[in-house]
């Protein structure tokens, strides 16, 4: 129990430190290098804290550039921390080492892009494993299948396109390019394609890696004068899956090799899938020929999950915890407030459940609010009453001045009441403050409007649909 509490304390401290570093370093640097860090073991005797990163590359990068900053931040947060070590996560899956030729010397594991067991981001490049990945599905996460991917209006196009890409019949488009912000499910779909393709083609040869891993292996082969072997094996795959293609930016030689590989595989009718956090045209530093290859098939967007999809994802996730009672108000709270990405949403649910189990408490709304302070503050977008009024007026096609007017026509009063209700739900403003924004109305008028809309939503499907639509617009 003491170890569990220590782990919780470290996690809480790290949440505060990470938030501060995000402000100092900026969102992009923080997401790429700081966010993946996981606090590990802490030795009370030596005062040494281990920080884990998923890959050797990222561990070395962070150690070179952020070690002093991390050490200082931890010493401020916990005086008992005297030393910080930046290491590769020891729980990552170890895969065969790269052997590019019969006489080639083994190099470091080709799949050190793993975020721990169950979340691989690379593939085995060793001899037969490189040439026939299908025999063991090496590098493909067994839990990330089409069956576990929850669909909604925001991702159904990408889901359908991914299924077509893995079907027995040849797809009408190739390559498939999945574009989505961090944590929206593009990596999940890459793994799902690999699983389904293997089910239809048991002897298929699949290569799955991140662009970073592609770069590492390319440079390795170049230094060892084994480019012929590297090219021949890379082009021998039936399905090529490359994640985070935006990280190949600026590497001219690697871009050229990827371009030739795409051309060779497409000429033989092979299938290619790429994923990135931006559209092909938005990839800076990529030569035009490669951009044209990436966008010549189908570019499928995965949009941020709306609130209905977020609810469905949480309910689906709860099936993994049949013995845990999670009240409906907690699910609604998480779905409504954690809206940046699906990964944070699921992580928030996991954190609440884990904390409740470790401390022998019941899952409750209060517990969720207390334990998810850092996540909630990062997700909370400040919606203003002016923004609400503007959106409601556009939705109901009335003039903006009607929000403050004295007119009592139903076509004006009902939208005004809806706007008051949304102002109370989506902003921290008090009833008197809301009233002042609506032409100086009394707080009792606002209370009446809020209660009326709440009641109408329970018995009027059209009103409930209007409010849901407005909520989606304002929270997106």
Protein backbone atom coordinates (compact mmCIF):
# COMPACT_ATOMS: atom_id res chain seq x y z
CA UNK A 1 0.00 0.00 0.00
CA UNK A 2 2.90 2.35 0.74
CA UNK A 3 4.33 1.67 -2.73
CA UNK A 4 0.96 2.44 -4.30
CA UNK A 5 0.71 5.69 -2.38
CA UNK A 6 4.26 6.64 -3.37
CA UNK A 7 3.40 6.00 -7.01
CA UNK A 8 0.31 8.19 -6.69
CA UNK A 9 2.35 10.96 -5.06
CA UNK A 10 4.94 10.83 -7.84
CA UNK A 11 2.21 10.92 -10.47
CA UNK A 12 0.60 13.94 -8.81
CA UNK A 13 3.93 15.77 -8.59
CA UNK A 14 4.71 14.94 -12.18
CA UNK A 15 1.35 16.31 -13.32
CA UNK A 16 2.23 19.68 -11.73
CA UNK A 17 5.79 19.66 -13.09
CA UNK A 18 4.64 18.68 -16.57
CA UNK A 19 2.07 21.46 -16.62
CA UNK A 20 4.76 24.01 -15.71
CA UNK A 21 7.12 22.71 -18.38
CA UNK A 22 4.37 22.92 -20.97
CA UNK A 23 4.09 26.65 -20.28
CA UNK A 24 7.88 27.09 -20.39
CA UNK A 25 8.67 24.99 -23.47
CA UNK A 26 5.52 25.42 -25.53
CA UNK A 27 2.87 22.92 -26.55
CA UNK A 28 4.77 21.28 -29.41
CA UNK A 29 8.03 20.56 -27.56
CA UNK A 30 6.11 19.45 -24.48
CA UNK A 31 3.87 17.02 -26.40
CA UNK A 32 6.76 15.48 -28.28
CA UNK A 33 9.39 15.11 -25.52
CA UNK A 34 8.02 15.83 -22.04
CA UNK A 35 4.52 14.34 -22.09
CA UNK A 36 5.70 10.74 -22.79
CA UNK A 37 7.84 10.74 -19.60
CA UNK A 38 6.67 8.39 -16.85
CA UNK A 39 7.96 8.59 -13.27
CA UNK A 40 9.57 5.31 -12.24
CA UNK A 41 11.38 4.07 -9.17
CA UNK A 42 12.51 6.40 -6.40
CA UNK A 43 15.31 5.39 -4.04
CA UNK A 44 14.96 7.08 -0.65
CA UNK A 45 18.54 6.25 0.33
CA UNK A 46 20.23 7.88 -2.64
CA UNK A 47 17.45 10.32 -3.52
CA UNK A 48 17.52 9.08 -7.12
CA UNK A 49 14.37 9.21 -9.26
CA UNK A 50 14.09 7.29 -12.53
CA UNK A 51 12.17 8.89 -15.39
CA UNK A 52 11.18 6.55 -18.22
CA UNK A 53 10.78 7.32 -21.90
CA UNK A 54 9.51 4.86 -24.52
CA UNK A 55 12.50 4.86 -26.89
CA UNK A 56 16.28 5.12 -26.77
CA UNK A 57 16.10 8.00 -29.23
CA UNK A 58 13.70 10.02 -27.09
CA UNK A 59 15.57 9.18 -23.87
CA UNK A 60 18.86 10.38 -25.33
CA UNK A 61 17.23 13.52 -26.74
CA UNK A 62 15.60 14.45 -23.44
CA UNK A 63 18.75 13.67 -21.47
CA UNK A 64 20.81 15.93 -23.73
CA UNK A 65 18.41 18.87 -23.78
CA UNK A 66 16.15 18.80 -20.74
CA UNK A 67 18.01 16.89 -18.00
CA UNK A 68 18.98 19.97 -15.98
CA UNK A 69 15.53 21.50 -16.28
CA UNK A 70 13.85 18.27 -15.18
CA UNK A 71 16.24 17.81 -12.27
CA UNK A 72 15.64 21.34 -11.00
CA UNK A 73 11.87 21.01 -11.33
CA UNK A 74 11.82 17.78 -9.32
CA UNK A 75 14.10 19.17 -6.62
CA UNK A 76 11.73 22.12 -6.19
CA UNK A 77 8.66 19.87 -6.06
CA UNK A 78 10.27 17.24 -3.80
CA UNK A 79 13.34 18.20 -1.78
CA UNK A 80 14.12 14.52 -1.21
CA UNK A 81 14.90 14.11 -4.92
CA UNK A 82 18.61 14.75 -5.34
CA UNK A 83 19.32 13.01 -8.64
CA UNK A 84 17.26 12.31 -11.76
CA UNK A 85 18.04 9.52 -14.22
CA UNK A 86 16.48 9.46 -17.69
CA UNK A 87 16.10 5.89 -18.92
CA UNK A 88 14.28 3.77 -21.48
CA UNK A 89 11.15 2.13 -20.11
CA UNK A 90 12.27 -1.35 -18.99
CA UNK A 91 8.80 -2.74 -19.66
CA UNK A 92 8.93 -2.18 -23.40
CA UNK A 93 8.66 -5.23 -25.60
CA UNK A 94 12.02 -6.53 -26.78
CA UNK A 95 12.01 -7.58 -30.41
CA UNK A 96 14.68 -9.20 -32.58
CA UNK A 97 17.67 -7.13 -33.51
CA UNK A 98 18.33 -5.82 -36.97
CA UNK A 99 20.46 -8.02 -39.22
CA UNK A 100 20.57 -6.54 -42.68
CA UNK A 101 22.70 -9.28 -44.20
CA UNK A 102 23.96 -12.74 -43.43
CA UNK A 103 27.18 -11.32 -42.17
CA UNK A 104 25.76 -8.13 -40.74
CA UNK A 105 26.35 -7.36 -37.14
CA UNK A 106 23.30 -6.98 -34.89
CA UNK A 107 22.36 -3.46 -33.91
CA UNK A 108 20.07 -2.18 -31.21
CA UNK A 109 16.48 -3.47 -31.12
CA UNK A 110 14.49 -2.25 -34.08
CA UNK A 111 11.39 -1.66 -32.00
CA UNK A 112 12.43 0.62 -29.20
CA UNK A 113 9.49 2.86 -30.02
CA UNK A 114 7.27 0.95 -27.61
CA UNK A 115 5.32 2.80 -24.92
CA UNK A 116 5.25 -0.30 -22.79
CA UNK A 117 3.70 -3.69 -23.43
CA UNK A 118 0.61 -3.40 -25.51
CA UNK A 119 1.49 -0.20 -27.34
CA UNK A 120 4.19 -0.96 -29.91
CA UNK A 121 5.28 1.67 -32.39
CA UNK A 122 7.87 -0.23 -34.42
CA UNK A 123 8.46 -3.49 -36.20
CA UNK A 124 11.11 -6.19 -36.11
CA UNK A 125 13.66 -5.74 -38.84
CA UNK A 126 15.72 -8.83 -38.17
CA UNK A 127 16.21 -11.32 -40.98
CA UNK A 128 13.06 -13.41 -41.40
CA UNK A 129 11.05 -11.25 -39.02
CA UNK A 130 11.66 -8.26 -41.29
CA UNK A 131 10.68 -10.27 -44.36
CA UNK A 132 7.63 -12.03 -42.91
CA UNK A 133 6.14 -10.02 -40.12
CA UNK A 134 2.78 -11.69 -40.65
CA UNK A 135 3.80 -14.92 -38.94
CA UNK A 136 3.80 -13.34 -35.53
CA UNK A 137 2.17 -9.93 -35.97
CA UNK A 138 5.27 -8.45 -34.41
CA UNK A 139 4.86 -4.75 -33.78
CA UNK A 140 1.06 -4.86 -33.97
CA UNK A 141 -0.86 -4.19 -30.76
CA UNK A 142 -3.23 -7.08 -30.12
CA UNK A 143 -5.77 -4.85 -28.38
CA UNK A 144 -6.12 -2.30 -31.19
CA UNK A 145 -8.54 -3.89 -33.66
CA UNK A 146 -11.57 -2.72 -35.61
CA UNK A 147 -13.75 -4.41 -32.98
CA UNK A 148 -12.36 -2.18 -30.22
CA UNK A 149 -12.51 1.02 -32.26
CA UNK A 150 -15.60 3.06 -31.38
CA UNK A 151 -17.06 4.87 -34.39
CA UNK A 152 -19.05 8.08 -34.71
CA UNK A 153 -19.70 10.78 -37.25
CA UNK A 154 -16.23 12.26 -36.69
CA UNK A 155 -14.27 9.14 -37.65
CA UNK A 156 -16.58 6.95 -39.74
CA UNK A 157 -14.92 7.91 -43.05
CA UNK A 158 -11.47 6.92 -41.82
CA UNK A 159 -12.86 3.72 -40.28
CA UNK A 160 -14.55 2.66 -43.53
CA UNK A 161 -11.46 3.53 -45.57
CA UNK A 162 -9.27 1.52 -43.19
CA UNK A 163 -11.54 -1.50 -43.53
CA UNK A 164 -11.40 -1.25 -47.32
CA UNK A 165 -7.62 -1.11 -47.15
CA UNK A 166 -7.49 -4.39 -45.18
CA UNK A 167 -10.15 -6.27 -47.18
CA UNK A 168 -9.54 -9.20 -49.51
CA UNK A 169 -10.44 -7.14 -52.56
CA UNK A 170 -7.88 -4.65 -53.79
CA UNK A 171 -8.71 -1.14 -52.53
CA UNK A 172 -9.82 1.52 -54.97
CA UNK A 173 -7.21 3.88 -53.54
CA UNK A 174 -3.65 3.60 -52.34
CA UNK A 175 -2.01 5.02 -50.38
CA UNK A 176 -4.45 5.76 -47.58
CA UNK A 177 -3.45 8.81 -45.56
CA UNK A 178 -5.01 9.14 -42.09
CA UNK A 179 -4.94 12.67 -40.77
CA UNK A 180 -5.82 13.38 -37.14
CA UNK A 181 -4.66 15.39 -34.17
CA UNK A 182 -2.88 13.63 -31.32
CA UNK A 183 -4.94 11.02 -29.51
CA UNK A 184 -7.86 10.78 -31.96
CA UNK A 185 -7.31 7.16 -33.06
CA UNK A 186 -5.12 7.15 -36.16
CA UNK A 187 -2.55 4.79 -34.62
CA UNK A 188 -5.37 2.50 -33.48
CA UNK A 189 -6.61 2.27 -37.07
CA UNK A 190 -3.10 1.47 -38.33
CA UNK A 191 -2.91 -1.50 -35.97
CA UNK A 192 -6.46 -2.53 -36.88
CA UNK A 193 -5.57 -2.56 -40.57
CA UNK A 194 -2.62 -4.82 -39.83
CA UNK A 195 -4.76 -7.25 -37.83
CA UNK A 196 -7.54 -7.45 -40.40
CA UNK A 197 -5.13 -7.77 -43.32
CA UNK A 198 -3.41 -10.69 -41.61
CA UNK A 199 -6.76 -12.35 -41.01
CA UNK A 200 -7.48 -12.20 -44.75
CA UNK A 201 -3.90 -12.89 -45.84
CA UNK A 202 -2.26 -15.17 -43.21
CA UNK A 203 1.07 -15.29 -45.05
CA UNK A 204 1.24 -11.58 -45.72
CA UNK A 205 4.38 -9.58 -45.07
CA UNK A 206 3.68 -6.41 -43.10
CA UNK A 207 5.95 -3.59 -42.01
CA UNK A 208 4.70 -1.24 -39.29
CA UNK A 209 6.87 1.53 -37.90
CA UNK A 210 6.95 5.17 -36.96
CA UNK A 211 8.64 7.64 -39.29
CA UNK A 212 11.25 8.05 -36.56
CA UNK A 213 12.01 4.31 -36.66
CA UNK A 214 12.19 4.40 -40.45
CA UNK A 215 14.75 7.19 -40.14
CA UNK A 216 16.84 5.30 -37.58
CA UNK A 217 16.96 2.11 -39.63
CA UNK A 218 17.70 4.03 -42.82
CA UNK A 219 20.65 5.86 -41.27
CA UNK A 220 21.88 2.61 -39.73
CA UNK A 221 21.85 0.81 -43.06
CA UNK A 222 23.56 3.78 -44.71
CA UNK A 223 26.38 3.77 -42.18
CA UNK A 224 26.88 0.01 -42.50
CA UNK A 225 26.91 0.14 -46.32
CA UNK A 226 23.92 -2.21 -46.43
CA UNK A 227 21.44 -0.10 -48.35
CA UNK A 228 20.86 -2.77 -51.02
CA UNK A 229 19.65 -5.26 -48.38
CA UNK A 230 17.58 -2.57 -46.65
CA UNK A 231 15.85 -1.54 -49.89
CA UNK A 232 15.16 -5.06 -51.10
CA UNK A 233 13.57 -6.15 -47.84
CA UNK A 234 11.61 -2.95 -47.35
CA UNK A 235 10.13 -3.30 -50.84
CA UNK A 236 9.25 -6.93 -50.26
CA UNK A 237 6.29 -6.13 -48.01
CA UNK A 238 2.66 -6.53 -48.97
CA UNK A 239 1.45 -3.83 -46.56
CA UNK A 240 3.43 -0.82 -45.37
CA UNK A 241 2.14 1.10 -42.33
CA UNK A 242 4.02 4.27 -41.36
CA UNK A 243 2.92 6.36 -38.38
CA UNK A 244 3.71 10.02 -37.60
CA UNK A 245 4.98 10.73 -41.10
CA UNK A 246 5.41 14.40 -40.14
CA UNK A 247 8.67 13.47 -38.38
CA UNK A 248 10.37 12.65 -41.66
CA UNK A 249 10.41 16.37 -42.42
CA UNK A 250 13.71 17.76 -43.69
CA UNK A 251 15.54 14.43 -44.13
CA UNK A 252 16.26 14.61 -47.85
CA UNK A 253 17.89 11.21 -48.30
CA UNK A 254 15.27 9.39 -46.27
CA UNK A 255 12.50 11.21 -48.15
CA UNK A 256 14.00 10.09 -51.43
CA UNK A 257 14.20 6.47 -50.28
CA UNK A 258 10.60 6.56 -49.04
CA UNK A 259 9.53 8.04 -52.37
CA UNK A 260 11.20 5.22 -54.31
CA UNK A 261 9.74 2.65 -51.95
CA UNK A 262 6.22 4.03 -52.43
CA UNK A 263 6.63 3.94 -56.21
CA UNK A 264 7.95 0.36 -56.15
CA UNK A 265 5.18 -0.94 -53.89
CA UNK A 266 2.40 0.84 -55.79
CA UNK A 267 3.72 -0.52 -59.08
CA UNK A 268 3.33 -4.04 -57.69
CA UNK A 269 -0.16 -3.40 -56.35
CA UNK A 270 0.94 -3.38 -52.70
CA UNK A 271 -0.95 -1.43 -50.02
CA UNK A 272 0.36 1.60 -48.15
CA UNK A 273 -1.07 3.51 -45.20
CA UNK A 274 0.39 6.65 -43.66
CA UNK A 275 -0.73 8.60 -40.61
CA UNK A 276 0.11 12.14 -39.53
CA UNK A 277 -1.20 14.99 -37.44
CA UNK A 278 -1.60 17.28 -40.45
CA UNK A 279 -2.60 17.14 -44.11
CA UNK A 280 0.07 16.27 -46.71
CA UNK A 281 0.03 19.83 -48.04
CA UNK A 282 0.82 21.11 -44.53
CA UNK A 283 4.01 19.05 -44.19
CA UNK A 284 6.79 21.62 -44.25
CA UNK A 285 10.14 20.61 -45.68
CA UNK A 286 8.81 17.69 -47.74
CA UNK A 287 9.71 17.66 -51.41
CA UNK A 288 6.82 18.07 -53.87
CA UNK A 289 7.20 14.60 -55.40
CA UNK A 290 6.73 12.91 -52.04
CA UNK A 291 3.78 15.17 -51.20
CA UNK A 292 2.09 14.15 -54.43
CA UNK A 293 2.55 10.44 -53.60
CA UNK A 294 1.15 10.87 -50.09
CA UNK A 295 -1.96 12.64 -51.33
CA UNK A 296 -2.62 10.69 -54.54
CA UNK A 297 -4.86 8.09 -52.88
CA UNK A 298 -7.34 9.05 -50.17
CA UNK A 299 -6.76 11.54 -47.37
CA UNK A 300 -9.21 10.61 -44.59
CA UNK A 301 -9.68 13.04 -41.72
CA UNK A 302 -10.45 11.94 -38.18
CA UNK A 303 -12.13 14.90 -36.57
CA UNK A 304 -12.19 15.53 -32.80
CA UNK A 305 -14.73 13.27 -31.10
CA UNK A 306 -18.05 14.95 -30.36
CA UNK A 307 -19.74 14.46 -27.01
CA UNK A 308 -21.86 11.52 -28.20
CA UNK A 309 -18.77 9.67 -29.38
CA UNK A 310 -16.93 10.49 -26.16
CA UNK A 311 -19.80 8.99 -24.18
CA UNK A 312 -19.72 5.86 -26.34
CA UNK A 313 -15.96 5.50 -25.90
CA UNK A 314 -16.25 5.71 -22.11
CA UNK A 315 -19.12 3.22 -22.01
CA UNK A 316 -17.15 0.87 -24.23
CA UNK A 317 -14.11 1.22 -21.97
CA UNK A 318 -16.18 0.42 -18.90
CA UNK A 319 -16.80 -3.06 -20.26
CA UNK A 320 -13.23 -3.83 -19.20
CA UNK A 321 -14.15 -3.06 -15.59
CA UNK A 322 -17.37 -5.03 -15.02
CA UNK A 323 -16.88 -5.07 -11.24
CA UNK A 324 -16.48 -1.29 -10.96
CA UNK A 325 -19.55 0.89 -10.46
CA UNK A 326 -19.06 4.19 -12.30
CA UNK A 327 -22.11 6.46 -11.90
CA UNK A 328 -23.71 8.00 -14.98
CA UNK A 329 -22.96 11.54 -13.78
CA UNK A 330 -19.23 10.72 -13.76
CA UNK A 331 -19.37 9.48 -17.35
CA UNK A 332 -21.29 12.59 -18.39
CA UNK A 333 -18.81 14.82 -16.55
CA UNK A 334 -15.79 13.18 -18.22
CA UNK A 335 -17.40 13.22 -21.68
CA UNK A 336 -18.32 16.88 -21.41
CA UNK A 337 -15.09 18.23 -19.92
CA UNK A 338 -12.27 16.12 -21.43
CA UNK A 339 -12.70 17.02 -25.08
CA UNK A 340 -9.21 17.53 -26.49
CA UNK A 341 -8.47 13.94 -27.44
CA UNK A 342 -9.62 10.38 -26.87
CA UNK A 343 -6.37 9.29 -25.24
CA UNK A 344 -6.77 11.85 -22.44
CA UNK A 345 -10.43 10.89 -22.08
CA UNK A 346 -9.66 7.21 -21.56
CA UNK A 347 -6.67 8.09 -19.39
CA UNK A 348 -8.89 10.22 -17.17
CA UNK A 349 -11.33 7.35 -16.66
CA UNK A 350 -8.47 4.94 -15.92
CA UNK A 351 -6.97 7.33 -13.38
CA UNK A 352 -10.25 7.75 -11.51
CA UNK A 353 -10.87 4.00 -11.40
CA UNK A 354 -7.29 3.21 -10.36
CA UNK A 355 -7.33 5.80 -7.58
CA UNK A 356 -10.66 4.52 -6.29
CA UNK A 357 -9.36 0.95 -6.20
CA UNK A 358 -6.02 1.81 -4.60
CA UNK A 359 -7.65 3.90 -1.88
CA UNK A 360 -10.73 1.67 -1.39
CA UNK A 361 -13.14 4.46 -2.32
CA UNK A 362 -16.26 4.55 -4.45
CA UNK A 363 -16.06 6.26 -7.84
CA UNK A 364 -17.94 9.54 -7.53
CA UNK A 365 -18.22 12.91 -9.23
CA UNK A 366 -16.34 14.57 -6.37
CA UNK A 367 -13.50 12.05 -6.67
CA UNK A 368 -13.27 12.63 -10.43
CA UNK A 369 -13.13 16.40 -9.99
CA UNK A 370 -10.41 16.13 -7.32
CA UNK A 371 -8.17 13.67 -9.17
CA UNK A 372 -8.40 15.13 -12.67
CA UNK A 373 -7.61 18.76 -11.91
CA UNK A 374 -4.64 18.88 -14.28
CA UNK A 375 -6.44 17.20 -17.18
CA UNK A 376 -9.58 19.26 -16.71
CA UNK A 377 -7.73 22.57 -16.61
CA UNK A 378 -5.88 21.69 -19.82
CA UNK A 379 -9.14 20.78 -21.59
CA UNK A 380 -11.27 23.62 -20.36
CA UNK A 381 -11.82 26.08 -23.20
CA UNK A 382 -13.20 29.38 -22.01
CA UNK A 383 -16.55 29.87 -23.70
CA UNK A 384 -17.94 33.39 -23.39
CA UNK A 385 -21.53 34.52 -23.16
CA UNK A 386 -20.97 36.64 -26.27
CA UNK A 387 -19.92 33.50 -28.15
CA UNK A 388 -23.00 31.67 -26.89
CA UNK A 389 -25.33 34.48 -27.95
CA UNK A 390 -23.74 34.66 -31.39
CA UNK A 391 -24.00 30.90 -31.94
CA UNK A 392 -27.62 30.73 -30.74
CA UNK A 393 -28.64 33.63 -32.98
CA UNK A 394 -27.04 31.98 -36.00
CA UNK A 395 -28.72 28.67 -35.16
CA UNK A 396 -32.21 30.16 -34.81
CA UNK A 397 -31.63 32.80 -37.50
CA UNK A 398 -32.50 35.84 -35.43
CA UNK A 399 -30.72 39.15 -35.03
CA UNK A 400 -28.09 39.44 -32.30
CA UNK A 401 -29.89 42.43 -30.78
CA UNK A 402 -32.78 40.16 -29.78
CA UNK A 403 -30.66 38.76 -26.96
CA UNK A 404 -31.00 42.10 -25.15
CA UNK A 405 -34.32 43.31 -26.52
CA UNK A 406 -37.63 43.47 -24.63
CA UNK A 407 -39.60 41.66 -27.33
CA UNK A 408 -41.81 38.83 -26.04
CA UNK A 409 -42.53 37.00 -29.29
CA UNK A 410 -42.04 33.23 -28.88
CA UNK A 411 -39.63 33.13 -31.85
CA UNK A 412 -37.36 35.44 -29.85
CA UNK A 413 -38.01 34.42 -26.25
CA UNK A 414 -37.22 30.73 -26.66
CA UNK A 415 -33.76 31.25 -28.27
CA UNK A 416 -33.01 33.83 -25.58
CA UNK A 417 -33.88 31.30 -22.87
CA UNK A 418 -31.75 28.66 -24.56
CA UNK A 419 -28.82 31.08 -24.59
CA UNK A 420 -29.32 31.80 -20.87
CA UNK A 421 -29.39 28.07 -20.15
CA UNK A 422 -26.18 27.47 -22.13
CA UNK A 423 -24.51 30.42 -20.40
CA UNK A 424 -25.19 28.79 -17.03
CA UNK A 425 -24.07 25.34 -18.19
CA UNK A 426 -20.92 26.37 -20.06
CA UNK A 427 -19.61 29.37 -18.13
CA UNK A 428 -18.82 30.04 -14.46
CA UNK A 429 -20.97 33.20 -14.50
CA UNK A 430 -23.57 33.75 -11.78
CA UNK A 431 -27.28 34.31 -12.48
CA UNK A 432 -26.99 38.10 -11.96
CA UNK A 433 -23.95 38.30 -14.27
CA UNK A 434 -25.79 36.36 -16.97
CA UNK A 435 -28.84 38.60 -16.56
CA UNK A 436 -26.73 41.71 -17.14
CA UNK A 437 -25.45 40.27 -20.43
CA UNK A 438 -29.05 39.80 -21.60
CA UNK A 439 -30.19 43.41 -21.47
CA UNK A 440 -29.94 43.87 -17.71
CA UNK A 441 -32.52 41.22 -16.84
CA UNK A 442 -33.14 40.17 -13.24
CA UNK A 443 -31.47 37.02 -11.95
CA UNK A 444 -34.90 35.44 -11.37
CA UNK A 445 -35.55 35.65 -15.11
CA UNK A 446 -32.37 33.69 -15.78
CA UNK A 447 -33.28 31.06 -13.15
CA UNK A 448 -36.69 30.64 -14.76
CA UNK A 449 -35.12 30.24 -18.22
CA UNK A 450 -32.60 27.63 -17.01
CA UNK A 451 -35.25 25.54 -15.25
CA UNK A 452 -37.65 25.79 -18.19
CA UNK A 453 -35.09 24.58 -20.74
CA UNK A 454 -34.04 21.75 -18.41
CA UNK A 455 -37.67 20.65 -18.21
CA UNK A 456 -38.28 21.01 -21.96
CA UNK A 457 -35.26 18.84 -22.73
CA UNK A 458 -36.82 15.94 -20.81
CA UNK A 459 -40.13 15.97 -22.71
CA UNK A 460 -39.46 17.72 -26.03
CA UNK A 461 -37.15 15.80 -28.37
CA UNK A 462 -36.80 18.76 -30.72
CA UNK A 463 -35.65 21.07 -27.92
CA UNK A 464 -33.22 18.44 -26.64
CA UNK A 465 -31.85 18.03 -30.17
CA UNK A 466 -31.40 21.79 -30.55
CA UNK A 467 -29.49 22.04 -27.28
CA UNK A 468 -27.30 19.06 -28.11
CA UNK A 469 -26.46 20.56 -31.49
CA UNK A 470 -25.58 23.90 -29.92
CA UNK A 471 -23.42 22.20 -27.30
CA UNK A 472 -21.50 20.39 -30.02
CA UNK A 473 -20.88 23.63 -31.88
CA UNK A 474 -19.73 25.50 -28.80
CA UNK A 475 -17.54 22.71 -27.40
CA UNK A 476 -15.87 21.79 -30.68
